[in-house]
Amino acid sequence: MRNNLLKQIRSIKKKLENSIRKNGLNSPETRKISDKIDKAINDYYSSIKSVNFPSNSKMEVFYKRSYFILKKITEDFGKFPTVVEWNKYAKENGYLSSTSMEYISKLNWNYLKIKVERENNIKI
């Protein structure tokens, strides 16, 4: 099922790129295709929500380490880093990227932000 969804996403992505070139970014045609790819991506991520890493797997260890540092940075600076800020820091220091953290936690960056801020008792 996931492979079919990935093929579908790739196909829609090509159509979207062609529509942007042909019709422009804000055209009704492009908007319809963009809505289709959004739905396909949401379907894909819904299909992987049941994926769990084995306890103490390397990926789980890397995630916990990265999450701990993300919380520490938020506490130290009083604000949650942007995706760009985090990815730069993560790359320089050997932590997981925002995309990897979203995938493993099954939360998007904004929900990770809320979770970290709540755990650090930072007013949202």
PDB file of N, CA and C in Angstrom:
ATOM      1  N   MET A   1       0.822  -1.197   0.000  1.00  0.00           N
ATOM      2  CA  MET A   1       0.000   0.000   0.000  1.00  0.00           C
ATOM      3  C   MET A   1       0.863   1.257   0.000  1.00  0.00           C
ATOM      4  N   ARG A   2       1.897   1.262   0.860  1.00  0.00           N
ATOM      5  CA  ARG A   2       2.751   2.447   0.931  1.00  0.00           C
ATOM      6  C   ARG A   2       3.477   2.699  -0.383  1.00  0.00           C
ATOM      7  N   ASN A   3       3.935   1.616  -1.041  1.00  0.00           N
ATOM      8  CA  ASN A   3       4.622   1.788  -2.318  1.00  0.00           C
ATOM      9  C   ASN A   3       3.701   2.386  -3.360  1.00  0.00           C
ATOM     10  N   ASN A   4       2.433   1.963  -3.360  1.00  0.00           N
ATOM     11  CA  ASN A   4       1.466   2.549  -4.285  1.00  0.00           C
ATOM     12  C   ASN A   4       1.267   4.028  -4.008  1.00  0.00           C
ATOM     13  N   LEU A   5       1.201   4.383  -2.728  1.00  0.00           N
ATOM     14  CA  LEU A   5       1.042   5.792  -2.366  1.00  0.00           C
ATOM     15  C   LEU A   5       2.260   6.606  -2.792  1.00  0.00           C
ATOM     16  N   LEU A   6       3.447   6.035  -2.631  1.00  0.00           N
ATOM     17  CA  LEU A   6       4.651   6.750  -3.054  1.00  0.00           C
ATOM     18  C   LEU A   6       4.663   6.959  -4.563  1.00  0.00           C
ATOM     19  N   LYS A   7       4.272   5.939  -5.323  1.00  0.00           N
ATOM     20  CA  LYS A   7       4.184   6.080  -6.777  1.00  0.00           C
ATOM     21  C   LYS A   7       3.172   7.158  -7.150  1.00  0.00           C
ATOM     22  N   GLN A   8       2.046   7.150  -6.446  1.00  0.00           N
ATOM     23  CA  GLN A   8       1.012   8.148  -6.699  1.00  0.00           C
ATOM     24  C   GLN A   8       1.531   9.554  -6.397  1.00  0.00           C
ATOM     25  N   ILE A   9       2.254   9.713  -5.302  1.00  0.00           N
ATOM     26  CA  ILE A   9       2.806  11.024  -4.933  1.00  0.00           C
ATOM     27  C   ILE A   9       3.785  11.494  -5.992  1.00  0.00           C
ATOM     28  N   ARG A  10       4.664  10.591  -6.455  1.00  0.00           N
ATOM     29  CA  ARG A  10       5.635  10.965  -7.498  1.00  0.00           C
ATOM     30  C   ARG A  10       4.932  11.401  -8.779  1.00  0.00           C
ATOM     31  N   SER A  11       3.894  10.676  -9.142  1.00  0.00           N
ATOM     32  CA  SER A  11       3.137  11.000 -10.354  1.00  0.00           C
ATOM     33  C   SER A  11       2.467  12.368 -10.231  1.00  0.00           C
ATOM     34  N   ILE A  12       1.827  12.614  -9.092  1.00  0.00           N
ATOM     35  CA  ILE A  12       1.154  13.894  -8.868  1.00  0.00           C
ATOM     36  C   ILE A  12       2.178  15.024  -8.820  1.00  0.00           C
ATOM     37  N   LYS A  13       3.353  14.741  -8.248  1.00  0.00           N
ATOM     38  CA  LYS A  13       4.413  15.752  -8.162  1.00  0.00           C
ATOM     39  C   LYS A  13       4.831  16.216  -9.557  1.00  0.00           C
ATOM     40  N   LYS A  14       4.973  15.276 -10.473  1.00  0.00           N
ATOM     41  CA  LYS A  14       5.326  15.635 -11.854  1.00  0.00           C
ATOM     42  C   LYS A  14       4.237  16.503 -12.480  1.00  0.00           C
ATOM     43  N   LYS A  15       2.973  16.114 -12.268  1.00  0.00           N
ATOM     44  CA  LYS A  15       1.856  16.900 -12.796  1.00  0.00           C
ATOM     45  C   LYS A  15       1.853  18.305 -12.200  1.00  0.00           C
ATOM     46  N   LEU A  16       2.144  18.383 -10.897  1.00  0.00           N
ATOM     47  CA  LEU A  16       2.174  19.677 -10.216  1.00  0.00           C
ATOM     48  C   LEU A  16       3.278  20.567 -10.787  1.00  0.00           C
ATOM     49  N   GLU A  17       4.464  20.003 -10.968  1.00  0.00           N
ATOM     50  CA  GLU A  17       5.570  20.778 -11.530  1.00  0.00           C
ATOM     51  C   GLU A  17       5.234  21.276 -12.933  1.00  0.00           C
ATOM     52  N   ASN A  18       4.636  20.410 -13.744  1.00  0.00           N
ATOM     53  CA  ASN A  18       4.245  20.814 -15.106  1.00  0.00           C
ATOM     54  C   ASN A  18       3.185  21.908 -15.077  1.00  0.00           C
ATOM     55  N   SER A  19       2.217  21.780 -14.173  1.00  0.00           N
ATOM     56  CA  SER A  19       1.164  22.780 -14.068  1.00  0.00           C
ATOM     57  C   SER A  19       1.717  24.129 -13.611  1.00  0.00           C
ATOM     58  N   ILE A  20       2.653  24.109 -12.705  1.00  0.00           N
ATOM     59  CA  ILE A  20       3.262  25.364 -12.242  1.00  0.00           C
ATOM     60  C   ILE A  20       3.963  26.057 -13.402  1.00  0.00           C
ATOM     61  N   ARG A  21       4.729  25.258 -14.184  1.00  0.00           N
ATOM     62  CA  ARG A  21       5.423  25.841 -15.341  1.00  0.00           C
ATOM     63  C   ARG A  21       4.436  26.372 -16.382  1.00  0.00           C
ATOM     64  N   LYS A  22       3.383  25.619 -16.635  1.00  0.00           N
ATOM     65  CA  LYS A  22       2.436  25.962 -17.692  1.00  0.00           C
ATOM     66  C   LYS A  22       1.431  27.028 -17.266  1.00  0.00           C
ATOM     67  N   ASN A  23       0.847  26.854 -16.062  1.00  0.00           N
ATOM     68  CA  ASN A  23      -0.281  27.698 -15.636  1.00  0.00           C
ATOM     69  C   ASN A  23       0.052  28.713 -14.559  1.00  0.00           C
ATOM     70  N   GLY A  24       1.207  28.570 -13.922  1.00  0.00           N
ATOM     71  CA  GLY A  24       1.570  29.470 -12.836  1.00  0.00           C
ATOM     72  C   GLY A  24       1.227  28.878 -11.479  1.00  0.00           C
ATOM     73  N   LEU A  25       1.829  29.439 -10.474  1.00  0.00           N
ATOM     74  CA  LEU A  25       1.717  28.918  -9.113  1.00  0.00           C
ATOM     75  C   LEU A  25       0.315  29.047  -8.532  1.00  0.00           C
ATOM     76  N   ASN A  26      -0.384  30.115  -8.846  1.00  0.00           N
ATOM     77  CA  ASN A  26      -1.678  30.376  -8.212  1.00  0.00           C
ATOM     78  C   ASN A  26      -2.878  30.059  -9.091  1.00  0.00           C
ATOM     79  N   SER A  27      -2.677  29.322 -10.161  1.00  0.00           N
ATOM     80  CA  SER A  27      -3.797  29.014 -11.054  1.00  0.00           C
ATOM     81  C   SER A  27      -4.730  27.993 -10.409  1.00  0.00           C
ATOM     82  N   PRO A  28      -6.000  27.993 -10.806  1.00  0.00           N
ATOM     83  CA  PRO A  28      -6.941  26.997 -10.270  1.00  0.00           C
ATOM     84  C   PRO A  28      -6.510  25.555 -10.576  1.00  0.00           C
ATOM     85  N   GLU A  29      -5.938  25.329 -11.756  1.00  0.00           N
ATOM     86  CA  GLU A  29      -5.483  23.991 -12.119  1.00  0.00           C
ATOM     87  C   GLU A  29      -4.376  23.521 -11.177  1.00  0.00           C
ATOM     88  N   THR A  30      -3.409  24.392 -10.929  1.00  0.00           N
ATOM     89  CA  THR A  30      -2.298  24.063 -10.037  1.00  0.00           C
ATOM     90  C   THR A  30      -2.815  23.822  -8.621  1.00  0.00           C
ATOM     91  N   ARG A  31      -3.763  24.628  -8.193  1.00  0.00           N
ATOM     92  CA  ARG A  31      -4.331  24.486  -6.847  1.00  0.00           C
ATOM     93  C   ARG A  31      -4.998  23.110  -6.675  1.00  0.00           C
ATOM     94  N   LYS A  32      -5.738  22.667  -7.705  1.00  0.00           N
ATOM     95  CA  LYS A  32      -6.404  21.357  -7.641  1.00  0.00           C
ATOM     96  C   LYS A  32      -5.373  20.238  -7.513  1.00  0.00           C
ATOM     97  N   ILE A  33      -4.310  20.331  -8.295  1.00  0.00           N
ATOM     98  CA  ILE A  33      -3.266  19.304  -8.242  1.00  0.00           C
ATOM     99  C   ILE A  33      -2.553  19.352  -6.896  1.00  0.00           C
ATOM    100  N   SER A  34      -2.324  20.544  -6.384  1.00  0.00           N
ATOM    101  CA  SER A  34      -1.688  20.701  -5.074  1.00  0.00           C
ATOM    102  C   SER A  34      -2.544  20.058  -3.976  1.00  0.00           C
ATOM    103  N   ASP A  35      -3.852  20.229  -4.072  1.00  0.00           N
ATOM    104  CA  ASP A  35      -4.756  19.595  -3.099  1.00  0.00           C
ATOM    105  C   ASP A  35      -4.665  18.074  -3.180  1.00  0.00           C
ATOM    106  N   LYS A  36      -4.533  17.543  -4.404  1.00  0.00           N
ATOM    107  CA  LYS A  36      -4.412  16.092  -4.580  1.00  0.00           C
ATOM    108  C   LYS A  36      -3.132  15.563  -3.940  1.00  0.00           C
ATOM    109  N   ILE A  37      -2.022  16.292  -4.132  1.00  0.00           N
ATOM    110  CA  ILE A  37      -0.756  15.810  -3.554  1.00  0.00           C
ATOM    111  C   ILE A  37      -0.800  15.922  -2.031  1.00  0.00           C
ATOM    112  N   ASP A  38      -1.437  16.958  -1.501  1.00  0.00           N
ATOM    113  CA  ASP A  38      -1.582  17.079  -0.042  1.00  0.00           C
ATOM    114  C   ASP A  38      -2.334  15.884   0.525  1.00  0.00           C
ATOM    115  N   LYS A  39      -3.416  15.496  -0.131  1.00  0.00           N
ATOM    116  CA  LYS A  39      -4.196  14.349   0.325  1.00  0.00           C
ATOM    117  C   LYS A  39      -3.375  13.063   0.243  1.00  0.00           C
ATOM    118  N   ALA A  40      -2.643  12.879  -0.859  1.00  0.00           N
ATOM    119  CA  ALA A  40      -1.823  11.671  -1.021  1.00  0.00           C
ATOM    120  C   ALA A  40      -0.737  11.600   0.056  1.00  0.00           C
ATOM    121  N   ILE A  41      -0.122  12.730   0.360  1.00  0.00           N
ATOM    122  CA  ILE A  41       0.924  12.761   1.397  1.00  0.00           C
ATOM    123  C   ILE A  41       0.315  12.451   2.769  1.00  0.00           C
ATOM    124  N   ASN A  42      -0.834  13.026   3.054  1.00  0.00           N
ATOM    125  CA  ASN A  42      -1.505  12.725   4.329  1.00  0.00           C
ATOM    126  C   ASN A  42      -1.875  11.253   4.425  1.00  0.00           C
ATOM    127  N   ASP A  43      -2.349  10.673   3.318  1.00  0.00           N
ATOM    128  CA  ASP A  43      -2.667   9.243   3.299  1.00  0.00           C
ATOM    129  C   ASP A  43      -1.424   8.410   3.567  1.00  0.00           C
ATOM    130  N   TYR A  44      -0.300   8.829   2.962  1.00  0.00           N
ATOM    131  CA  TYR A  44       0.955   8.099   3.161  1.00  0.00           C
ATOM    132  C   TYR A  44       1.356   8.129   4.632  1.00  0.00           C
ATOM    133  N   TYR A  45       1.356   9.306   5.226  1.00  0.00           N
ATOM    134  CA  TYR A  45       1.771   9.398   6.623  1.00  0.00           C
ATOM    135  C   TYR A  45       0.787   8.701   7.560  1.00  0.00           C
ATOM    136  N   SER A  46      -0.479   8.685   7.204  1.00  0.00           N
ATOM    137  CA  SER A  46      -1.452   7.937   8.004  1.00  0.00           C
ATOM    138  C   SER A  46      -1.151   6.450   7.964  1.00  0.00           C
ATOM    139  N   SER A  47      -0.644   5.975   6.830  1.00  0.00           N
ATOM    140  CA  SER A  47      -0.349   4.548   6.692  1.00  0.00           C
ATOM    141  C   SER A  47       0.873   4.118   7.492  1.00  0.00           C
ATOM    142  N   ILE A  48       1.752   5.062   7.844  1.00  0.00           N
ATOM    143  CA  ILE A  48       2.966   4.691   8.578  1.00  0.00           C
ATOM    144  C   ILE A  48       2.875   4.972  10.070  1.00  0.00           C
ATOM    145  N   LYS A  49       1.762   5.469  10.540  1.00  0.00           N
ATOM    146  CA  LYS A  49       1.647   5.807  11.964  1.00  0.00           C
ATOM    147  C   LYS A  49       1.848   4.605  12.871  1.00  0.00           C
ATOM    148  N   SER A  50       1.619   3.407  12.350  1.00  0.00           N
ATOM    149  CA  SER A  50       1.763   2.232  13.196  1.00  0.00           C
ATOM    150  C   SER A  50       3.200   1.715  13.246  1.00  0.00           C
ATOM    151  N   VAL A  51       4.108   2.355  12.510  1.00  0.00           N
ATOM    152  CA  VAL A  51       5.501   1.910  12.490  1.00  0.00           C
ATOM    153  C   VAL A  51       6.175   2.317  13.794  1.00  0.00           C
ATOM    154  N   ASN A  52       6.791   1.368  14.467  1.00  0.00           N
ATOM    155  CA  ASN A  52       7.544   1.650  15.685  1.00  0.00           C
ATOM    156  C   ASN A  52       8.924   1.029  15.564  1.00  0.00           C
ATOM    157  N   PHE A  53       9.897   1.708  16.096  1.00  0.00           N
ATOM    158  CA  PHE A  53      11.245   1.165  16.092  1.00  0.00           C
ATOM    159  C   PHE A  53      11.414   0.263  17.295  1.00  0.00           C
ATOM    160  N   PRO A  54      12.190  -0.802  17.149  1.00  0.00           N
ATOM    161  CA  PRO A  54      12.439  -1.676  18.301  1.00  0.00           C
ATOM    162  C   PRO A  54      13.087  -0.881  19.433  1.00  0.00           C
ATOM    163  N   SER A  55      12.791  -1.270  20.643  1.00  0.00           N
ATOM    164  CA  SER A  55      13.357  -0.595  21.803  1.00  0.00           C
ATOM    165  C   SER A  55      14.876  -0.612  21.738  1.00  0.00           C
ATOM    166  N   ASN A  56      15.478   0.529  22.013  1.00  0.00           N
ATOM    167  CA  ASN A  56      16.924   0.729  21.999  1.00  0.00           C
ATOM    168  C   ASN A  56      17.569   0.496  20.634  1.00  0.00           C
ATOM    169  N   SER A  57      16.793   0.620  19.553  1.00  0.00           N
ATOM    170  CA  SER A  57      17.393   0.560  18.219  1.00  0.00           C
ATOM    171  C   SER A  57      18.232   1.819  18.025  1.00  0.00           C
ATOM    172  N   LYS A  58      19.124   1.785  17.068  1.00  0.00           N
ATOM    173  CA  LYS A  58      19.966   2.961  16.812  1.00  0.00           C
ATOM    174  C   LYS A  58      19.115   4.190  16.520  1.00  0.00           C
ATOM    175  N   MET A  59      18.045   3.993  15.758  1.00  0.00           N
ATOM    176  CA  MET A  59      17.203   5.131  15.390  1.00  0.00           C
ATOM    177  C   MET A  59      16.522   5.720  16.615  1.00  0.00           C
ATOM    178  N   GLU A  60      16.054   4.858  17.510  1.00  0.00           N
ATOM    179  CA  GLU A  60      15.418   5.351  18.731  1.00  0.00           C
ATOM    180  C   GLU A  60      16.436   6.100  19.599  1.00  0.00           C
ATOM    181  N   VAL A  61      17.642   5.574  19.693  1.00  0.00           N
ATOM    182  CA  VAL A  61      18.697   6.220  20.480  1.00  0.00           C
ATOM    183  C   VAL A  61      19.032   7.590  19.892  1.00  0.00           C
ATOM    184  N   PHE A  62      19.196   7.662  18.558  1.00  0.00           N
ATOM    185  CA  PHE A  62      19.485   8.945  17.905  1.00  0.00           C
ATOM    186  C   PHE A  62      18.340   9.932  18.121  1.00  0.00           C
ATOM    187  N   TYR A  63      17.104   9.434  18.040  1.00  0.00           N
ATOM    188  CA  TYR A  63      15.958  10.316  18.236  1.00  0.00           C
ATOM    189  C   TYR A  63      15.950  10.873  19.657  1.00  0.00           C
ATOM    190  N   LYS A  64      16.115  10.001  20.653  1.00  0.00           N
ATOM    191  CA  LYS A  64      16.089  10.457  22.049  1.00  0.00           C
ATOM    192  C   LYS A  64      17.191  11.475  22.314  1.00  0.00           C
ATOM    193  N   ARG A  65      18.374  11.219  21.760  1.00  0.00           N
ATOM    194  CA  ARG A  65      19.496  12.148  21.929  1.00  0.00           C
ATOM    195  C   ARG A  65      19.174  13.499  21.290  1.00  0.00           C
ATOM    196  N   SER A  66      18.645  13.460  20.086  1.00  0.00           N
ATOM    197  CA  SER A  66      18.309  14.694  19.377  1.00  0.00           C
ATOM    198  C   SER A  66      17.189  15.450  20.089  1.00  0.00           C
ATOM    199  N   TYR A  67      16.188  14.721  20.553  1.00  0.00           N
ATOM    200  CA  TYR A  67      15.065  15.342  21.246  1.00  0.00           C
ATOM    201  C   TYR A  67      15.521  15.993  22.546  1.00  0.00           C
ATOM    202  N   PHE A  68      16.406  15.329  23.280  1.00  0.00           N
ATOM    203  CA  PHE A  68      16.939  15.888  24.518  1.00  0.00           C
ATOM    204  C   PHE A  68      17.638  17.226  24.233  1.00  0.00           C
ATOM    205  N   ILE A  69      18.457  17.259  23.192  1.00  0.00           N
ATOM    206  CA  ILE A  69      19.175  18.489  22.839  1.00  0.00           C
ATOM    207  C   ILE A  69      18.202  19.562  22.364  1.00  0.00           C
ATOM    208  N   LEU A  70      17.181  19.162  21.611  1.00  0.00           N
ATOM    209  CA  LEU A  70      16.166  20.114  21.162  1.00  0.00           C
ATOM    210  C   LEU A  70      15.487  20.768  22.366  1.00  0.00           C
ATOM    211  N   LYS A  71      15.159  19.979  23.373  1.00  0.00           N
ATOM    212  CA  LYS A  71      14.561  20.520  24.589  1.00  0.00           C
ATOM    213  C   LYS A  71      15.533  21.448  25.315  1.00  0.00           C
ATOM    214  N   LYS A  72      16.809  21.046  25.386  1.00  0.00           N
ATOM    215  CA  LYS A  72      17.820  21.847  26.077  1.00  0.00           C
ATOM    216  C   LYS A  72      18.019  23.193  25.383  1.00  0.00           C
ATOM    217  N   ILE A  73      18.102  23.167  24.062  1.00  0.00           N
ATOM    218  CA  ILE A  73      18.269  24.410  23.294  1.00  0.00           C
ATOM    219  C   ILE A  73      17.071  25.332  23.519  1.00  0.00           C
ATOM    220  N   THR A  74      15.888  24.762  23.501  1.00  0.00           N
ATOM    221  CA  THR A  74      14.675  25.553  23.721  1.00  0.00           C
ATOM    222  C   THR A  74      14.691  26.184  25.105  1.00  0.00           C
ATOM    223  N   GLU A  75      15.097  25.412  26.094  1.00  0.00           N
ATOM    224  CA  GLU A  75      15.170  25.924  27.461  1.00  0.00           C
ATOM    225  C   GLU A  75      16.238  27.012  27.578  1.00  0.00           C
ATOM    226  N   ASP A  76      17.429  26.761  27.013  1.00  0.00           N
ATOM    227  CA  ASP A  76      18.542  27.709  27.124  1.00  0.00           C
ATOM    228  C   ASP A  76      18.242  29.041  26.441  1.00  0.00           C
ATOM    229  N   PHE A  77      17.582  28.998  25.273  1.00  0.00           N
ATOM    230  CA  PHE A  77      17.349  30.221  24.502  1.00  0.00           C
ATOM    231  C   PHE A  77      15.948  30.790  24.693  1.00  0.00           C
ATOM    232  N   GLY A  78      15.095  30.047  25.404  1.00  0.00           N
ATOM    233  CA  GLY A  78      13.753  30.539  25.660  1.00  0.00           C
ATOM    234  C   GLY A  78      12.846  30.522  24.452  1.00  0.00           C
ATOM    235  N   LYS A  79      13.290  29.847  23.401  1.00  0.00           N
ATOM    236  CA  LYS A  79      12.450  29.736  22.204  1.00  0.00           C
ATOM    237  C   LYS A  79      12.813  28.480  21.436  1.00  0.00           C
ATOM    238  N   PHE A  80      11.812  27.908  20.808  1.00  0.00           N
ATOM    239  CA  PHE A  80      11.989  26.707  20.004  1.00  0.00           C
ATOM    240  C   PHE A  80      12.637  27.095  18.676  1.00  0.00           C
ATOM    241  N   PRO A  81      13.643  26.338  18.216  1.00  0.00           N
ATOM    242  CA  PRO A  81      14.317  26.718  16.967  1.00  0.00           C
ATOM    243  C   PRO A  81      13.431  26.516  15.745  1.00  0.00           C
ATOM    244  N   THR A  82      13.663  27.318  14.732  1.00  0.00           N
ATOM    245  CA  THR A  82      12.983  27.111  13.452  1.00  0.00           C
ATOM    246  C   THR A  82      13.575  25.870  12.796  1.00  0.00           C
ATOM    247  N   VAL A  83      12.925  25.403  11.764  1.00  0.00           N
ATOM    248  CA  VAL A  83      13.431  24.241  11.021  1.00  0.00           C
ATOM    249  C   VAL A  83      14.835  24.533  10.493  1.00  0.00           C
ATOM    250  N   VAL A  84      15.035  25.705   9.938  1.00  0.00           N
ATOM    251  CA  VAL A  84      16.347  26.072   9.385  1.00  0.00           C
ATOM    252  C   VAL A  84      17.407  26.109  10.478  1.00  0.00           C
ATOM    253  N   GLU A  85      17.078  26.736  11.621  1.00  0.00           N
ATOM    254  CA  GLU A  85      18.024  26.807  12.737  1.00  0.00           C
ATOM    255  C   GLU A  85      18.378  25.413  13.245  1.00  0.00           C
ATOM    256  N   TRP A  86      17.341  24.572  13.435  1.00  0.00           N
ATOM    257  CA  TRP A  86      17.594  23.232  13.956  1.00  0.00           C
ATOM    258  C   TRP A  86      18.410  22.407  12.975  1.00  0.00           C
ATOM    259  N   ASN A  87      18.041  22.426  11.703  1.00  0.00           N
ATOM    260  CA  ASN A  87      18.750  21.602  10.722  1.00  0.00           C
ATOM    261  C   ASN A  87      20.219  21.995  10.613  1.00  0.00           C
ATOM    262  N   LYS A  88      20.507  23.282  10.703  1.00  0.00           N
ATOM    263  CA  LYS A  88      21.901  23.739  10.672  1.00  0.00           C
ATOM    264  C   LYS A  88      22.645  23.206  11.905  1.00  0.00           C
ATOM    265  N   TYR A  89      22.039  23.378  13.073  1.00  0.00           N
ATOM    266  CA  TYR A  89      22.654  22.907  14.317  1.00  0.00           C
ATOM    267  C   TYR A  89      22.820  21.386  14.293  1.00  0.00           C
ATOM    268  N   ALA A  90      21.775  20.687  13.852  1.00  0.00           N
ATOM    269  CA  ALA A  90      21.804  19.222  13.823  1.00  0.00           C
ATOM    270  C   ALA A  90      22.902  18.716  12.891  1.00  0.00           C
ATOM    271  N   LYS A  91      23.033  19.337  11.752  1.00  0.00           N
ATOM    272  CA  LYS A  91      24.059  18.917  10.789  1.00  0.00           C
ATOM    273  C   LYS A  91      25.457  19.134  11.350  1.00  0.00           C
ATOM    274  N   GLU A  92      25.652  20.271  11.980  1.00  0.00           N
ATOM    275  CA  GLU A  92      26.968  20.600  12.532  1.00  0.00           C
ATOM    276  C   GLU A  92      27.340  19.725  13.723  1.00  0.00           C
ATOM    277  N   ASN A  93      26.336  19.202  14.439  1.00  0.00           N
ATOM    278  CA  ASN A  93      26.598  18.477  15.683  1.00  0.00           C
ATOM    279  C   ASN A  93      26.183  17.005  15.679  1.00  0.00           C
ATOM    280  N   GLY A  94      25.772  16.497  14.536  1.00  0.00           N
ATOM    281  CA  GLY A  94      25.473  15.075  14.419  1.00  0.00           C
ATOM    282  C   GLY A  94      24.141  14.630  15.005  1.00  0.00           C
ATOM    283  N   TYR A  95      23.123  15.500  14.942  1.00  0.00           N
ATOM    284  CA  TYR A  95      21.793  15.134  15.416  1.00  0.00           C
ATOM    285  C   TYR A  95      20.868  14.904  14.226  1.00  0.00           C
ATOM    286  N   LEU A  96      19.683  14.376  14.505  1.00  0.00           N
ATOM    287  CA  LEU A  96      18.715  14.119  13.447  1.00  0.00           C
ATOM    288  C   LEU A  96      18.130  15.414  12.916  1.00  0.00           C
ATOM    289  N   SER A  97      17.836  15.432  11.632  1.00  0.00           N
ATOM    290  CA  SER A  97      17.203  16.600  11.010  1.00  0.00           C
ATOM    291  C   SER A  97      15.750  16.712  11.476  1.00  0.00           C
ATOM    292  N   SER A  98      15.154  17.850  11.195  1.00  0.00           N
ATOM    293  CA  SER A  98      13.751  18.055  11.565  1.00  0.00           C
ATOM    294  C   SER A  98      12.859  17.027  10.873  1.00  0.00           C
ATOM    295  N   THR A  99      13.152  16.704   9.627  1.00  0.00           N
ATOM    296  CA  THR A  99      12.348  15.726   8.892  1.00  0.00           C
ATOM    297  C   THR A  99      12.423  14.359   9.550  1.00  0.00           C
ATOM    298  N   SER A 100      13.612  13.929   9.934  1.00  0.00           N
ATOM    299  CA  SER A 100      13.763  12.638  10.607  1.00  0.00           C
ATOM    300  C   SER A 100      13.034  12.625  11.940  1.00  0.00           C
ATOM    301  N   MET A 101      13.126  13.724  12.664  1.00  0.00           N
ATOM    302  CA  MET A 101      12.448  13.791  13.961  1.00  0.00           C
ATOM    303  C   MET A 101      10.935  13.764  13.790  1.00  0.00           C
ATOM    304  N   GLU A 102      10.434  14.437  12.748  1.00  0.00           N
ATOM    305  CA  GLU A 102       9.002  14.401  12.479  1.00  0.00           C
ATOM    306  C   GLU A 102       8.560  12.978  12.147  1.00  0.00           C
ATOM    307  N   TYR A 103       9.327  12.304  11.322  1.00  0.00           N
ATOM    308  CA  TYR A 103       8.985  10.945  10.908  1.00  0.00           C
ATOM    309  C   TYR A 103       8.956  10.001  12.104  1.00  0.00           C
ATOM    310  N   ILE A 104       9.973  10.053  12.920  1.00  0.00           N
ATOM    311  CA  ILE A 104      10.074   9.125  14.048  1.00  0.00           C
ATOM    312  C   ILE A 104       9.019   9.429  15.110  1.00  0.00           C
ATOM    313  N   SER A 105       8.817  10.699  15.403  1.00  0.00           N
ATOM    314  CA  SER A 105       7.856  11.069  16.440  1.00  0.00           C
ATOM    315  C   SER A 105       6.415  11.014  15.945  1.00  0.00           C
ATOM    316  N   LYS A 106       6.260  10.999  14.624  1.00  0.00           N
ATOM    317  CA  LYS A 106       4.934  11.037  13.998  1.00  0.00           C
ATOM    318  C   LYS A 106       4.221  12.352  14.316  1.00  0.00           C
ATOM    319  N   LEU A 107       5.009  13.402  14.532  1.00  0.00           N
ATOM    320  CA  LEU A 107       4.485  14.741  14.793  1.00  0.00           C
ATOM    321  C   LEU A 107       5.150  15.713  13.831  1.00  0.00           C
ATOM    322  N   ASN A 108       4.393  16.699  13.348  1.00  0.00           N
ATOM    323  CA  ASN A 108       5.059  17.701  12.523  1.00  0.00           C
ATOM    324  C   ASN A 108       5.808  18.677  13.432  1.00  0.00           C
ATOM    325  N   TRP A 109       6.613  19.533  12.847  1.00  0.00           N
ATOM    326  CA  TRP A 109       7.505  20.418  13.604  1.00  0.00           C
ATOM    327  C   TRP A 109       6.726  21.306  14.584  1.00  0.00           C
ATOM    328  N   ASN A 110       5.557  21.780  14.176  1.00  0.00           N
ATOM    329  CA  ASN A 110       4.770  22.633  15.075  1.00  0.00           C
ATOM    330  C   ASN A 110       4.275  21.863  16.298  1.00  0.00           C
ATOM    331  N   TYR A 111       3.882  20.598  16.108  1.00  0.00           N
ATOM    332  CA  TYR A 111       3.454  19.796  17.252  1.00  0.00           C
ATOM    333  C   TYR A 111       4.636  19.432  18.141  1.00  0.00           C
ATOM    334  N   LEU A 112       5.799  19.200  17.549  1.00  0.00           N
ATOM    335  CA  LEU A 112       7.003  18.978  18.368  1.00  0.00           C
ATOM    336  C   LEU A 112       7.286  20.213  19.208  1.00  0.00           C
ATOM    337  N   LYS A 113       7.105  21.368  18.601  1.00  0.00           N
ATOM    338  CA  LYS A 113       7.312  22.633  19.318  1.00  0.00           C
ATOM    339  C   LYS A 113       6.385  22.711  20.531  1.00  0.00           C
ATOM    340  N   ILE A 114       5.120  22.436  20.326  1.00  0.00           N
ATOM    341  CA  ILE A 114       4.153  22.488  21.423  1.00  0.00           C
ATOM    342  C   ILE A 114       4.535  21.493  22.516  1.00  0.00           C
ATOM    343  N   LYS A 115       4.906  20.281  22.128  1.00  0.00           N
ATOM    344  CA  LYS A 115       5.288  19.248  23.089  1.00  0.00           C
ATOM    345  C   LYS A 115       6.499  19.685  23.914  1.00  0.00           C
ATOM    346  N   VAL A 116       7.529  20.192  23.244  1.00  0.00           N
ATOM    347  CA  VAL A 116       8.740  20.630  23.937  1.00  0.00           C
ATOM    348  C   VAL A 116       8.429  21.795  24.866  1.00  0.00           C
ATOM    349  N   GLU A 117       7.666  22.757  24.380  1.00  0.00           N
ATOM    350  CA  GLU A 117       7.345  23.918  25.216  1.00  0.00           C
ATOM    351  C   GLU A 117       6.531  23.520  26.439  1.00  0.00           C
ATOM    352  N   ARG A 118       5.624  22.580  26.278  1.00  0.00           N
ATOM    353  CA  ARG A 118       4.842  22.107  27.433  1.00  0.00           C
ATOM    354  C   ARG A 118       5.740  21.385  28.430  1.00  0.00           C
ATOM    355  N   GLU A 119       6.628  20.532  27.917  1.00  0.00           N
ATOM    356  CA  GLU A 119       7.530  19.799  28.805  1.00  0.00           C
ATOM    357  C   GLU A 119       8.505  20.734  29.509  1.00  0.00           C
ATOM    358  N   ASN A 120       8.863  21.829  28.867  1.00  0.00           N
ATOM    359  CA  ASN A 120       9.789  22.797  29.476  1.00  0.00           C
ATOM    360  C   ASN A 120       9.055  23.894  30.230  1.00  0.00           C
ATOM    361  N   ASN A 121       7.719  23.799  30.300  1.00  0.00           N
ATOM    362  CA  ASN A 121       6.888  24.814  30.963  1.00  0.00           C
ATOM    363  C   ASN A 121       7.116  26.217  30.412  1.00  0.00           C
ATOM    364  N   ILE A 122       7.199  26.297  29.099  1.00  0.00           N
ATOM    365  CA  ILE A 122       7.336  27.599  28.434  1.00  0.00           C
ATOM    366  C   ILE A 122       5.951  28.011  27.982  1.00  0.00           C
ATOM    367  N   LYS A 123       5.572  29.277  28.231  1.00  0.00           N
ATOM    368  CA  LYS A 123       4.265  29.756  27.817  1.00  0.00           C
ATOM    369  C   LYS A 123       4.193  29.775  26.300  1.00  0.00           C
ATOM    370  N   ILE A 124       3.103  29.233  25.797  1.00  0.00           N
ATOM    371  CA  ILE A 124       2.909  29.138  24.334  1.00  0.00           C
ATOM    372  C   ILE A 124       2.215  30.381  23.842  1.00  0.00           C
TER     373      ILE A 124
END
